[in-house]
C-alpha atoms as a PDB file:
ATOM      1  CA  MET A   1      27.943  15.706 115.974  1.00  0.00           C
ATOM      2  CA  THR A   2      26.108  16.623 112.827  1.00  0.00           C
ATOM      3  CA  LEU A   3      27.879  13.871 110.912  1.00  0.00           C
ATOM      4  CA  PHE A   4      26.891  11.353 113.637  1.00  0.00           C
ATOM      5  CA  ARG A   5      23.208  12.345 113.458  1.00  0.00           C
ATOM      6  CA  GLY A   6      23.314  12.010 109.660  1.00  0.00           C
ATOM      7  CA  LEU A   7      24.751   8.544 109.963  1.00  0.00           C
ATOM      8  CA  VAL A   8      22.011   7.548 112.464  1.00  0.00           C
ATOM      9  CA  ARG A   9      19.255   8.903 110.210  1.00  0.00           C
ATOM     10  CA  GLY A  10      20.692   7.084 107.217  1.00  0.00           C
ATOM     11  CA  TYR A  11      20.991   3.834 109.091  1.00  0.00           C
ATOM     12  CA  ARG A  12      17.422   4.016 110.347  1.00  0.00           C
ATOM     13  CA  ARG A  13      16.066   4.724 106.856  1.00  0.00           C
ATOM     14  CA  LEU A  14      18.031   1.835 105.435  1.00  0.00           C
ATOM     15  CA  ALA A  15      16.826  -0.505 108.200  1.00  0.00           C
ATOM     16  CA  ALA A  16      13.200   0.640 107.672  1.00  0.00           C
ATOM     17  CA  ARG A  17      13.466  -0.398 104.017  1.00  0.00           C
ATOM     18  CA  VAL A  18      15.219  -3.765 104.600  1.00  0.00           C
ATOM     19  CA  LEU A  19      13.962  -5.127 107.892  1.00  0.00           C
ATOM     20  CA  PRO A  20      10.429  -6.554 108.090  1.00  0.00           C
ATOM     21  CA  ARG A  21       7.807  -4.272 109.647  1.00  0.00           C
ATOM     22  CA  SER A  22       5.518  -5.243 112.471  1.00  0.00           C
ATOM     23  CA  SER A  23       2.062  -3.877 113.071  1.00  0.00           C
ATOM     24  CA  CYS A  24       0.534  -2.039 116.104  1.00  0.00           C
ATOM     25  CA  PRO A  25      -1.761  -4.391 118.001  1.00  0.00           C
ATOM     26  CA  ILE A  26      -4.123  -1.543 118.600  1.00  0.00           C
ATOM     27  CA  CYS A  27      -4.591   0.191 115.182  1.00  0.00           C
ATOM     28  CA  LEU A  28      -2.938  -2.551 113.010  1.00  0.00           C
ATOM     29  CA  ASP A  29      -0.855   0.107 111.204  1.00  0.00           C
ATOM     30  CA  ASP A  30       2.727  -0.805 110.231  1.00  0.00           C
ATOM     31  CA  LEU A  31       5.401   0.141 112.665  1.00  0.00           C
ATOM     32  CA  PRO A  32       8.926   1.296 111.594  1.00  0.00           C
ATOM     33  CA  ALA A  33      11.651  -1.293 112.019  1.00  0.00           C
ATOM     34  CA  LEU A  34      13.927   0.830 114.255  1.00  0.00           C
ATOM     35  CA  GLY A  35      11.880   3.733 115.468  1.00  0.00           C
ATOM     36  CA  LEU A  36      11.808   6.836 113.317  1.00  0.00           C
ATOM     37  CA  GLY A  37      12.256   5.294 109.867  1.00  0.00           C
ATOM     38  CA  GLU A  38      11.523   7.476 106.880  1.00  0.00           C
ATOM     39  CA  GLU A  39       9.462   9.908 109.013  1.00  0.00           C
ATOM     40  CA  ALA A  40      12.672  11.033 110.819  1.00  0.00           C
ATOM     41  CA  GLN A  41      13.783  14.536 109.985  1.00  0.00           C
ATOM     42  CA  SER A  42      16.006  15.058 112.913  1.00  0.00           C
ATOM     43  CA  ALA A  43      17.418  13.080 115.837  1.00  0.00           C
ATOM     44  CA  ASP A  44      15.271  15.105 118.224  1.00  0.00           C
ATOM     45  CA  ALA A  45      11.976  14.078 116.587  1.00  0.00           C
ATOM     46  CA  GLU A  46       9.332  12.304 118.736  1.00  0.00           C
ATOM     47  CA  PRO A  47       9.451   8.555 118.265  1.00  0.00           C
ATOM     48  CA  THR A  48       6.488   7.094 116.341  1.00  0.00           C
ATOM     49  CA  PHE A  49       6.290   3.963 118.444  1.00  0.00           C
ATOM     50  CA  ALA A  50       6.793   2.920 122.091  1.00  0.00           C
ATOM     51  CA  LYS A  51       8.142  -0.382 123.386  1.00  0.00           C
ATOM     52  CA  LEU A  52       6.891  -1.607 126.787  1.00  0.00           C
ATOM     53  CA  SER A  53       8.846  -3.685 129.293  1.00  0.00           C
ATOM     54  CA  CYS A  54       7.279  -6.835 127.846  1.00  0.00           C
ATOM     55  CA  LYS A  55       9.021  -6.034 124.547  1.00  0.00           C
ATOM     56  CA  HIS A  56       5.765  -5.429 122.660  1.00  0.00           C
ATOM     57  CA  LYS A  57       5.714  -2.298 120.375  1.00  0.00           C
ATOM     58  CA  PHE A  58       2.793   0.050 119.749  1.00  0.00           C
ATOM     59  CA  CYS A  59       2.134   3.312 118.011  1.00  0.00           C
ATOM     60  CA  GLY A  60       3.105   6.123 120.349  1.00  0.00           C
ATOM     61  CA  ALA A  61      -0.297   7.808 120.033  1.00  0.00           C
ATOM     62  CA  CYS A  62      -2.224   4.550 120.450  1.00  0.00           C
ATOM     63  CA  ILE A  63      -0.488   3.357 123.627  1.00  0.00           C
ATOM     64  CA  ARG A  64      -0.533   6.891 125.090  1.00  0.00           C
ATOM     65  CA  GLN A  65      -4.295   7.180 124.568  1.00  0.00           C
ATOM     66  CA  TYR A  66      -4.825   3.680 125.957  1.00  0.00           C
ATOM     67  CA  MET A  67      -2.996   4.465 129.183  1.00  0.00           C
ATOM     68  CA  VAL A  68      -4.688   7.841 129.568  1.00  0.00           C
ATOM     69  CA  LEU A  69      -8.192   6.399 129.121  1.00  0.00           C
ATOM     70  CA  LYS A  70      -7.517   3.506 131.539  1.00  0.00           C
ATOM     71  CA  ILE A  71      -6.185   5.762 134.269  1.00  0.00           C
ATOM     72  CA  GLN A  72      -8.958   8.307 133.861  1.00  0.00           C
ATOM     73  CA  ALA A  73     -11.480   5.514 134.146  1.00  0.00           C
ATOM     74  CA  LYS A  74      -9.745   4.323 137.300  1.00  0.00           C
ATOM     75  CA  GLU A  75      -9.028   0.957 135.704  1.00  0.00           C
ATOM     76  CA  VAL A  76      -5.588   0.624 137.266  1.00  0.00           C
ATOM     77  CA  ASP A  77      -5.705  -2.811 138.906  1.00  0.00           C
ATOM     78  CA  ASP A  78      -3.173  -5.477 137.952  1.00  0.00           C
ATOM     79  CA  ASP A  79      -5.748  -7.229 135.657  1.00  0.00           C
ATOM     80  CA  GLN A  80      -6.979  -3.988 134.113  1.00  0.00           C
ATOM     81  CA  LEU A  81      -4.014  -1.786 133.036  1.00  0.00           C
ATOM     82  CA  VAL A  82      -2.261  -4.544 131.104  1.00  0.00           C
ATOM     83  CA  CYS A  83      -0.412  -4.824 127.782  1.00  0.00           C
ATOM     84  CA  PRO A  84      -2.950  -4.584 124.959  1.00  0.00           C
ATOM     85  CA  GLU A  85      -1.232  -7.531 123.115  1.00  0.00           C
ATOM     86  CA  LEU A  86      -3.783 -10.408 123.204  1.00  0.00           C
ATOM     87  CA  GLN A  87      -1.219 -13.056 124.050  1.00  0.00           C
ATOM     88  CA  CYS A  88       0.577 -10.994 126.771  1.00  0.00           C
ATOM     89  CA  LYS A  89      -1.690  -9.279 129.313  1.00  0.00           C
ATOM     90  CA  ARG A  90       1.216  -8.353 131.610  1.00  0.00           C
ATOM     91  CA  ARG A  91       0.681  -5.409 133.908  1.00  0.00           C
ATOM     92  CA  VAL A  92       1.999  -2.091 132.479  1.00  0.00           C
ATOM     93  CA  ALA A  93       5.018  -1.010 134.507  1.00  0.00           C
ATOM     94  CA  GLU A  94       5.220   2.382 136.175  1.00  0.00           C
ATOM     95  CA  ARG A  95       8.348   3.261 134.177  1.00  0.00           C
ATOM     96  CA  ASP A  96       6.400   2.634 130.978  1.00  0.00           C
ATOM     97  CA  ILE A  97       3.655   4.990 132.110  1.00  0.00           C
ATOM     98  CA  GLU A  98       6.195   7.700 132.903  1.00  0.00           C
ATOM     99  CA  ALA A  99       8.087   7.178 129.626  1.00  0.00           C
ATOM    100  CA  VAL A 100       4.975   7.260 127.481  1.00  0.00           C
ATOM    101  CA  CYS A 101       2.680   9.753 129.239  1.00  0.00           C
ATOM    102  CA  GLY A 102       4.877  11.764 131.602  1.00  0.00           C
ATOM    103  CA  ALA A 103       5.348  12.127 135.369  1.00  0.00           C
ATOM    104  CA  ALA A 104       1.976  13.950 135.897  1.00  0.00           C
ATOM    105  CA  LEU A 105      -0.049  10.889 134.694  1.00  0.00           C
ATOM    106  CA  LEU A 106       2.183   8.621 136.689  1.00  0.00           C
ATOM    107  CA  LEU A 107       1.297  10.482 139.888  1.00  0.00           C
ATOM    108  CA  LEU A 108      -2.390  10.235 138.979  1.00  0.00           C
ATOM    109  CA  PHE A 109      -1.969   6.477 138.438  1.00  0.00           C
ATOM    110  CA  GLN A 110      -0.259   5.965 141.793  1.00  0.00           C
ATOM    111  CA  SER A 111      -2.843   8.044 143.716  1.00  0.00           C
ATOM    112  CA  THR A 112      -5.719   6.253 141.998  1.00  0.00           C
ATOM    113  CA  LEU A 113      -4.254   2.799 142.688  1.00  0.00           C
ATOM    114  CA  LYS A 114      -3.743   3.725 146.367  1.00  0.00           C
ATOM    115  CA  ARG A 115      -7.248   5.022 146.691  1.00  0.00           C
ATOM    116  CA  LYS A 116      -8.807   1.873 145.162  1.00  0.00           C
ATOM    117  CA  ARG A 117      -6.736  -0.374 147.473  1.00  0.00           C
ATOM    118  CA  ASP A 118      -7.736   1.680 150.499  1.00  0.00           C
ATOM    119  CA  GLU A 119     -11.442   1.449 149.487  1.00  0.00           C
ATOM    120  CA  ARG A 120     -11.205  -2.330 149.696  1.00  0.00           C
ATOM    121  CA  ASN A 121      -9.756  -2.102 153.246  1.00  0.00           C
ATOM    122  CA  PRO A 122     -12.546  -2.983 155.727  1.00  0.00           C
ATOM    123  CA  SER A 123     -10.936  -0.461 158.180  1.00  0.00           C
ATOM    124  CA  ALA A 124     -11.306   2.418 155.729  1.00  0.00           C
ATOM    125  CA  ARG A 125     -13.949   5.089 156.240  1.00  0.00           C
ATOM    126  CA  TRP A 126     -14.893   8.251 154.271  1.00  0.00           C
ATOM    127  CA  CYS A 127     -14.871  11.584 155.975  1.00  0.00           C
ATOM    128  CA  PRO A 128     -18.445  12.345 157.133  1.00  0.00           C
ATOM    129  CA  ARG A 129     -18.248  16.041 156.237  1.00  0.00           C
ATOM    130  CA  PRO A 130     -19.970  16.812 152.906  1.00  0.00           C
ATOM    131  CA  GLY A 131     -17.552  17.977 150.270  1.00  0.00           C
ATOM    132  CA  CYS A 132     -14.539  16.345 151.880  1.00  0.00           C
ATOM    133  CA  GLU A 133     -13.381  13.349 149.845  1.00  0.00           C
ATOM    134  CA  GLU A 134     -10.751  12.129 152.276  1.00  0.00           C
ATOM    135  CA  LEU A 135     -10.504   8.342 152.899  1.00  0.00           C
ATOM    136  CA  ILE A 136      -9.176   7.505 156.347  1.00  0.00           C
ATOM    137  CA  VAL A 137      -7.714   4.107 157.194  1.00  0.00           C
ATOM    138  CA  CYS A 138      -8.650   3.621 160.896  1.00  0.00           C
ATOM    139  CA  GLU A 139      -6.426   1.808 163.280  1.00  0.00           C
ATOM    140  CA  SER A 140      -9.329   0.777 165.560  1.00  0.00           C
ATOM    141  CA  ALA A 141     -13.120   0.688 165.689  1.00  0.00           C
ATOM    142  CA  ALA A 142     -13.247   3.884 167.782  1.00  0.00           C
ATOM    143  CA  ASP A 143     -14.003   7.343 166.544  1.00  0.00           C
ATOM    144  CA  PHE A 144     -11.637   8.736 163.915  1.00  0.00           C
ATOM    145  CA  THR A 145     -10.459  12.171 162.921  1.00  0.00           C
ATOM    146  CA  CYS A 146     -10.147  13.311 159.264  1.00  0.00           C
ATOM    147  CA  PRO A 147      -6.596  14.611 158.688  1.00  0.00           C
ATOM    148  CA  ALA A 148      -7.799  16.907 155.907  1.00  0.00           C
ATOM    149  CA  CYS A 149     -10.579  18.890 157.540  1.00  0.00           C
ATOM    150  CA  GLY A 150     -10.471  17.738 161.191  1.00  0.00           C
ATOM    151  CA  ALA A 151     -14.003  16.320 161.299  1.00  0.00           C
ATOM    152  CA  ARG A 152     -14.654  13.474 163.762  1.00  0.00           C
ATOM    153  CA  GLY A 153     -16.553  10.452 162.571  1.00  0.00           C
ATOM    154  CA  CYS A 154     -18.088   7.266 164.072  1.00  0.00           C
ATOM    155  CA  PHE A 155     -16.536   4.070 162.802  1.00  0.00           C
ATOM    156  CA  GLN A 156     -19.705   2.024 163.272  1.00  0.00           C
ATOM    157  CA  CYS A 157     -22.377   4.195 161.589  1.00  0.00           C
ATOM    158  CA  ARG A 158     -19.928   6.127 159.324  1.00  0.00           C
ATOM    159  CA  GLY A 159     -21.511   9.444 160.295  1.00  0.00           C
ATOM    160  CA  TYR A 160     -20.366  12.234 162.656  1.00  0.00           C
ATOM    161  CA  ALA A 161     -19.006  11.205 166.034  1.00  0.00           C
ATOM    162  CA  HIS A 162     -21.670  11.250 168.797  1.00  0.00           C
ATOM    163  CA  ARG A 163     -21.495  11.044 172.559  1.00  0.00           C
ATOM    164  CA  PHE A 164     -24.922  11.557 174.071  1.00  0.00           C
ATOM    165  CA  TRP A 165     -27.149   9.489 171.759  1.00  0.00           C
ATOM    166  CA  PHE A 166     -27.156   5.927 170.595  1.00  0.00           C
ATOM    167  CA  CYS A 167     -25.338   4.968 167.431  1.00  0.00           C
ATOM    168  CA  ARG A 168     -27.717   4.375 164.589  1.00  0.00           C
ATOM    169  CA  ALA A 169     -25.582   1.618 163.027  1.00  0.00           C
ATOM    170  CA  LYS A 170     -27.616  -1.223 164.454  1.00  0.00           C
ATOM    171  CA  LYS A 171     -30.854   0.448 163.350  1.00  0.00           C
ATOM    172  CA  GLU A 172     -29.497   0.900 159.862  1.00  0.00           C
ATOM    173  CA  ASP A 173     -28.298  -2.694 159.734  1.00  0.00           C
ATOM    174  CA  ALA A 174     -31.715  -3.940 160.720  1.00  0.00           C
ATOM    175  CA  SER A 175     -33.299  -1.799 157.968  1.00  0.00           C
ATOM    176  CA  TYR A 176     -30.844  -3.155 155.411  1.00  0.00           C
ATOM    177  CA  LEU A 177     -31.531  -6.753 156.463  1.00  0.00           C
ATOM    178  CA  GLU A 178     -35.280  -6.170 156.100  1.00  0.00           C
ATOM    179  CA  TRP A 179     -34.786  -4.664 152.657  1.00  0.00           C
ATOM    180  CA  GLU A 180     -32.460  -7.544 151.643  1.00  0.00           C
ATOM    181  CA  LYS A 181     -35.068 -10.014 152.743  1.00  0.00           C
ATOM    182  CA  SER A 182     -37.710  -8.297 150.611  1.00  0.00           C
ATOM    183  CA  VAL A 183     -35.584  -8.355 147.506  1.00  0.00           C
ATOM    184  CA  GLY A 184     -34.124 -11.726 148.391  1.00  0.00           C
ATOM    185  CA  GLU A 185     -37.368 -13.355 147.478  1.00  0.00           C
ATOM    186  CA  ARG A 186     -36.503 -12.509 143.825  1.00  0.00           C
ATOM    187  CA  HIS A 187     -32.870 -13.619 144.387  1.00  0.00           C
ATOM    188  CA  ALA A 188     -31.715 -10.106 143.610  1.00  0.00           C
ATOM    189  CA  VAL A 189     -29.119  -9.965 146.410  1.00  0.00           C
ATOM    190  CA  ARG A 190     -26.479 -12.614 146.838  1.00  0.00           C
ATOM    191  CA  PRO A 191     -22.952 -12.780 148.383  1.00  0.00           C
ATOM    192  CA  CYS A 192     -19.797 -12.955 146.280  1.00  0.00           C
ATOM    193  CA  PRO A 193     -18.570 -16.602 146.381  1.00  0.00           C
ATOM    194  CA  GLN A 194     -15.017 -15.443 147.164  1.00  0.00           C
ATOM    195  CA  CYS A 195     -15.172 -12.406 149.513  1.00  0.00           C
ATOM    196  CA  LYS A 196     -18.843 -12.606 150.566  1.00  0.00           C
ATOM    197  CA  MET A 197     -19.598  -8.974 149.662  1.00  0.00           C
ATOM    198  CA  ARG A 198     -23.350  -8.482 149.085  1.00  0.00           C
ATOM    199  CA  ILE A 199     -24.131  -7.885 145.398  1.00  0.00           C
ATOM    200  CA  TRP A 200     -27.483  -6.471 144.175  1.00  0.00           C
ATOM    201  CA  LYS A 201     -28.351  -7.474 140.643  1.00  0.00           C
ATOM    202  CA  ALA A 202     -30.979  -5.208 139.118  1.00  0.00           C
ATOM    203  CA  ASP A 203     -30.657  -6.283 135.519  1.00  0.00           C
ATOM    204  CA  GLY A 204     -28.136  -7.559 132.933  1.00  0.00           C
ATOM    205  CA  CYS A 205     -26.664 -10.924 132.147  1.00  0.00           C
ATOM    206  CA  ASN A 206     -25.458 -13.616 134.552  1.00  0.00           C
ATOM    207  CA  HIS A 207     -21.804 -12.719 134.111  1.00  0.00           C
ATOM    208  CA  ILE A 208     -20.972 -10.912 137.407  1.00  0.00           C
ATOM    209  CA  LYS A 209     -17.712  -9.253 138.487  1.00  0.00           C
ATOM    210  CA  CYS A 210     -17.406  -8.446 142.172  1.00  0.00           C
ATOM    211  CA  ALA A 211     -16.421  -4.796 142.823  1.00  0.00           C
ATOM    212  CA  GLY A 212     -14.556  -5.791 146.005  1.00  0.00           C
ATOM    213  CA  CYS A 213     -12.347  -8.659 144.966  1.00  0.00           C
ATOM    214  CA  ARG A 214     -12.915  -8.584 141.223  1.00  0.00           C
ATOM    215  CA  PHE A 215     -13.910 -12.256 141.179  1.00  0.00           C
ATOM    216  CA  GLU A 216     -15.892 -13.171 138.046  1.00  0.00           C
ATOM    217  CA  PHE A 217     -18.652 -15.716 138.506  1.00  0.00           C
ATOM    218  CA  CYS A 218     -22.056 -16.876 137.244  1.00  0.00           C
ATOM    219  CA  TRP A 219     -24.944 -15.337 139.013  1.00  0.00           C
ATOM    220  CA  VAL A 220     -27.130 -18.496 138.688  1.00  0.00           C
ATOM    221  CA  CYS A 221     -24.777 -21.270 139.907  1.00  0.00           C
ATOM    222  CA  GLY A 222     -21.924 -19.286 141.499  1.00  0.00           C
ATOM    223  CA  ALA A 223     -19.225 -21.096 139.517  1.00  0.00           C
ATOM    224  CA  PRO A 224     -16.117 -19.114 138.281  1.00  0.00           C
ATOM    225  CA  TRP A 225     -16.881 -17.555 134.958  1.00  0.00           C
ATOM    226  CA  GLU A 226     -15.198 -18.906 131.836  1.00  0.00           C
ATOM    227  CA  PRO A 227     -15.600 -18.171 128.147  1.00  0.00           C
ATOM    228  CA  ARG A 228     -17.121 -21.673 127.765  1.00  0.00           C
ATOM    229  CA  HIS A 229     -19.630 -21.142 130.595  1.00  0.00           C
ATOM    230  CA  TYR A 230     -22.878 -21.122 128.723  1.00  0.00           C
ATOM    231  CA  ALA A 231     -24.985 -23.661 130.682  1.00  0.00           C
ATOM    232  CA  CYS A 232     -26.626 -20.885 132.762  1.00  0.00           C
ATOM    233  CA  HIS A 233     -27.098 -18.382 129.900  1.00  0.00           C
ATOM    234  CA  GLU A 234     -30.841 -19.102 129.502  1.00  0.00           C
ATOM    235  CA  LEU A 235     -31.490 -22.212 131.615  1.00  0.00           C
ATOM    236  CA  PRO A 236     -29.747 -22.687 135.012  1.00  0.00           C
ATOM    237  CA  SER A 237     -27.384 -25.588 135.402  1.00  0.00           C
ATOM    238  CA  MET A 238     -28.699 -28.983 136.561  1.00  0.00           C
ATOM    239  CA  PHE A 239     -26.716 -28.546 139.785  1.00  0.00           C
ATOM    240  CA  SER A 240     -27.408 -24.883 140.636  1.00  0.00           C
ATOM    241  CA  GLY A 241     -29.140 -23.991 143.853  1.00  0.00           C
ATOM    242  CA  PRO A 242     -32.466 -25.192 145.369  1.00  0.00           C
ATOM    243  CA  LEU A 243     -35.099 -25.866 142.708  1.00  0.00           C
ATOM    244  CA  THR A 244     -38.842 -26.252 142.712  1.00  0.00           C
ATOM    245  CA  PHE A 245     -40.447 -29.529 141.706  1.00  0.00           C
ATOM    246  CA  GLN A 246     -41.636 -28.022 138.380  1.00  0.00           C
ATOM    247  CA  ASP A 247     -38.055 -26.861 137.584  1.00  0.00           C
ATOM    248  CA  GLN A 248     -36.655 -30.269 138.370  1.00  0.00           C
ATOM    249  CA  LEU A 249     -39.269 -32.050 136.272  1.00  0.00           C
ATOM    250  CA  LEU A 250     -38.654 -29.708 133.306  1.00  0.00           C
ATOM    251  CA  ARG A 251     -34.887 -30.256 133.481  1.00  0.00           C
ATOM    252  CA  VAL A 252     -35.257 -34.000 133.686  1.00  0.00           C
ATOM    253  CA  LEU A 253     -37.659 -33.982 130.696  1.00  0.00           C
ATOM    254  CA  LEU A 254     -35.245 -31.802 128.725  1.00  0.00           C
ATOM    255  CA  LEU A 255     -32.347 -34.062 129.553  1.00  0.00           C
ATOM    256  CA  VAL A 256     -34.294 -37.167 128.539  1.00  0.00           C
ATOM    257  CA  ALA A 257     -35.317 -35.489 125.288  1.00  0.00           C
ATOM    258  CA  MET A 258     -31.689 -34.577 124.580  1.00  0.00           C
ATOM    259  CA  VAL A 259     -30.537 -38.139 125.192  1.00  0.00           C
ATOM    260  CA  TYR A 260     -33.242 -39.715 122.990  1.00  0.00           C
ATOM    261  CA  THR A 261     -32.565 -37.198 120.202  1.00  0.00           C
ATOM    262  CA  ALA A 262     -28.884 -37.906 120.281  1.00  0.00           C
ATOM    263  CA  GLY A 263     -29.519 -41.625 120.200  1.00  0.00           C
ATOM    264  CA  PHE A 264     -31.925 -41.258 117.276  1.00  0.00           C
ATOM    265  CA  VAL A 265     -29.463 -39.157 115.289  1.00  0.00           C
ATOM    266  CA  ALA A 266     -26.702 -41.730 116.019  1.00  0.00           C
ATOM    267  CA  VAL A 267     -28.842 -44.538 114.626  1.00  0.00           C
ATOM    268  CA  PHE A 268     -30.773 -42.935 111.767  1.00  0.00           C
ATOM    269  CA  GLY A 269     -28.661 -39.802 111.070  1.00  0.00           C
ATOM    270  CA  PHE A 270     -29.940 -36.240 110.550  1.00  0.00           C
ATOM    271  CA  GLY A 271     -31.997 -37.257 107.601  1.00  0.00           C
ATOM    272  CA  GLY A 272     -34.087 -39.665 109.773  1.00  0.00           C
ATOM    273  CA  LEU A 273     -34.458 -36.870 112.392  1.00  0.00           C
ATOM    274  CA  PHE A 274     -35.719 -34.496 109.706  1.00  0.00           C
ATOM    275  CA  THR A 275     -38.196 -37.156 108.427  1.00  0.00           C
ATOM    276  CA  LEU A 276     -39.422 -37.745 111.943  1.00  0.00           C
ATOM    277  CA  PHE A 277     -39.846 -34.034 112.418  1.00  0.00           C
ATOM    278  CA  MET A 278     -41.903 -33.748 109.184  1.00  0.00           C
ATOM    279  CA  VAL A 279     -44.139 -36.761 110.129  1.00  0.00           C
ATOM    280  CA  VAL A 280     -44.805 -35.348 113.591  1.00  0.00           C
ATOM    281  CA  SER A 281     -45.603 -31.908 112.086  1.00  0.00           C
ATOM    282  CA  VAL A 282     -48.062 -33.389 109.543  1.00  0.00           C
ATOM    283  CA  GLY A 283     -49.666 -35.450 112.298  1.00  0.00           C
ATOM    284  CA  VAL A 284     -50.068 -32.381 114.538  1.00  0.00           C
ATOM    285  CA  ASP A 285     -51.605 -30.420 111.695  1.00  0.00           C
ATOM    286  CA  ALA A 286     -54.024 -33.302 110.872  1.00  0.00           C
ATOM    287  CA  ALA A 287     -55.037 -33.633 114.550  1.00  0.00           C
ATOM    288  CA  GLN A 288     -55.706 -29.842 114.711  1.00  0.00           C
ATOM    289  CA  ASP A 289     -57.795 -30.001 111.601  1.00  0.00           C
ATOM    290  CA  VAL A 290     -59.845 -33.033 112.906  1.00  0.00           C
ATOM    291  CA  HIS A 291     -60.351 -31.239 116.173  1.00  0.00           C
ATOM    292  CA  ARG A 292     -61.532 -28.104 114.412  1.00  0.00           C
ATOM    293  CA  ARG A 293     -64.031 -30.079 112.283  1.00  0.00           C
ATOM    294  CA  VAL A 294     -65.398 -31.884 115.318  1.00  0.00           C
ATOM    295  CA  GLN A 295     -66.054 -28.591 117.006  1.00  0.00           C
ATOM    296  CA  GLN A 296     -67.891 -27.282 113.936  1.00  0.00           C
ATOM    297  CA  TYR A 297     -69.975 -30.460 113.736  1.00  0.00           C
ATOM    298  CA  THR A 298     -70.839 -30.284 117.518  1.00  0.00           C
ATOM    299  CA  GLN A 299     -71.871 -26.634 117.032  1.00  0.00           C
ATOM    300  CA  GLN A 300     -74.169 -27.559 114.199  1.00  0.00           C
ATOM    301  CA  LEU A 301     -75.797 -30.289 116.245  1.00  0.00           C
ATOM    302  CA  ARG A 302     -76.458 -27.880 119.111  1.00  0.00           C
ATOM    303  CA  HIS A 303     -77.915 -25.215 116.813  1.00  0.00           C
ATOM    304  CA  PRO A 304     -79.493 -27.025 113.865  1.00  0.00           C
ATOM    305  CA  LEU A 305     -81.165 -23.835 112.618  1.00  0.00           C
ATOM    306  CA  GLY A 306     -78.001 -21.876 112.498  1.00  0.00           C
ATOM    307  CA  ARG A 307     -78.914 -19.850 115.623  1.00  0.00           C
ATOM    308  CA  GLN A 308     -76.072 -18.598 117.754  1.00  0.00           C
ATOM    309  CA  PRO A 309     -76.231 -18.648 121.570  1.00  0.00           C
ATOM    310  CA  GLY A 310     -77.873 -15.438 122.878  1.00  0.00           C
ATOM    311  CA  ARG A 311     -79.452 -14.564 119.506  1.00  0.00           C
ATOM    312  CA  VAL A 312     -83.233 -14.650 118.856  1.00  0.00           C
ATOM    313  CA  ILE A 313     -84.521 -15.284 115.342  1.00  0.00           C
ATOM    314  CA  GLY A 314     -88.021 -14.111 114.644  1.00  0.00           C
END
């Protein structure tokens, strides 16, 4: 057995010297050709790299830290916990999580994924008792019972179950609609184009990701978001939503200016465009200078003795 381990270590050291090395996509350090390489001191040593089901290799510490941070941040959806290789983006398999991080983190991953999927279920309700974090998937719109603490809740208003007073769900819905109408004047609340979940935008850019269906879209025009989607970055698209007359006039003027500028450049080149810019700049400066002198001359005609309005000389 000792002889076999020695042969394995020798083969790995030889392969590490002869075979080309690849780099870790996370830290960009070189990876050994066949696992332990020169760092191997025994056959029981911990491998210095890990290979996922998609055949991409990473440093053991790098991919382990990546998985731990993703799971702790609850980023466990199919488009979140993926292979860090830029050209891959396949979902990390559960067997990879268990092999790299252990069974405990795999259980945390499974429970977090189940919780996030249940939260998107329209029939799911949180336990109304403070301190209880149980999420119950209700089979009907009737009152439900928490399996963890036994508290009974109302499906409609999401509070405690009630028998002898009216449900406050309709009143709360009316209050919310009134609030949404007040902020809707500033276009701060809009539905997701895909799942229709209401989204409140307080600040930030126009790149929006729905928390319900994870659909990425532009807040201004509602189109699916793409890396090349820059038309709505500062100025909304020509085809986005209802516009005022001033906005439409401004966009038409900008479009006409762009067309004329492109035609001028096509005929006279960028040199002609620069010359035109200089001529216009000189003309504007000259017009401002003439206007300033006319104002001074008019002031002198009104006050030939150098008197200023509101000032008495005596």
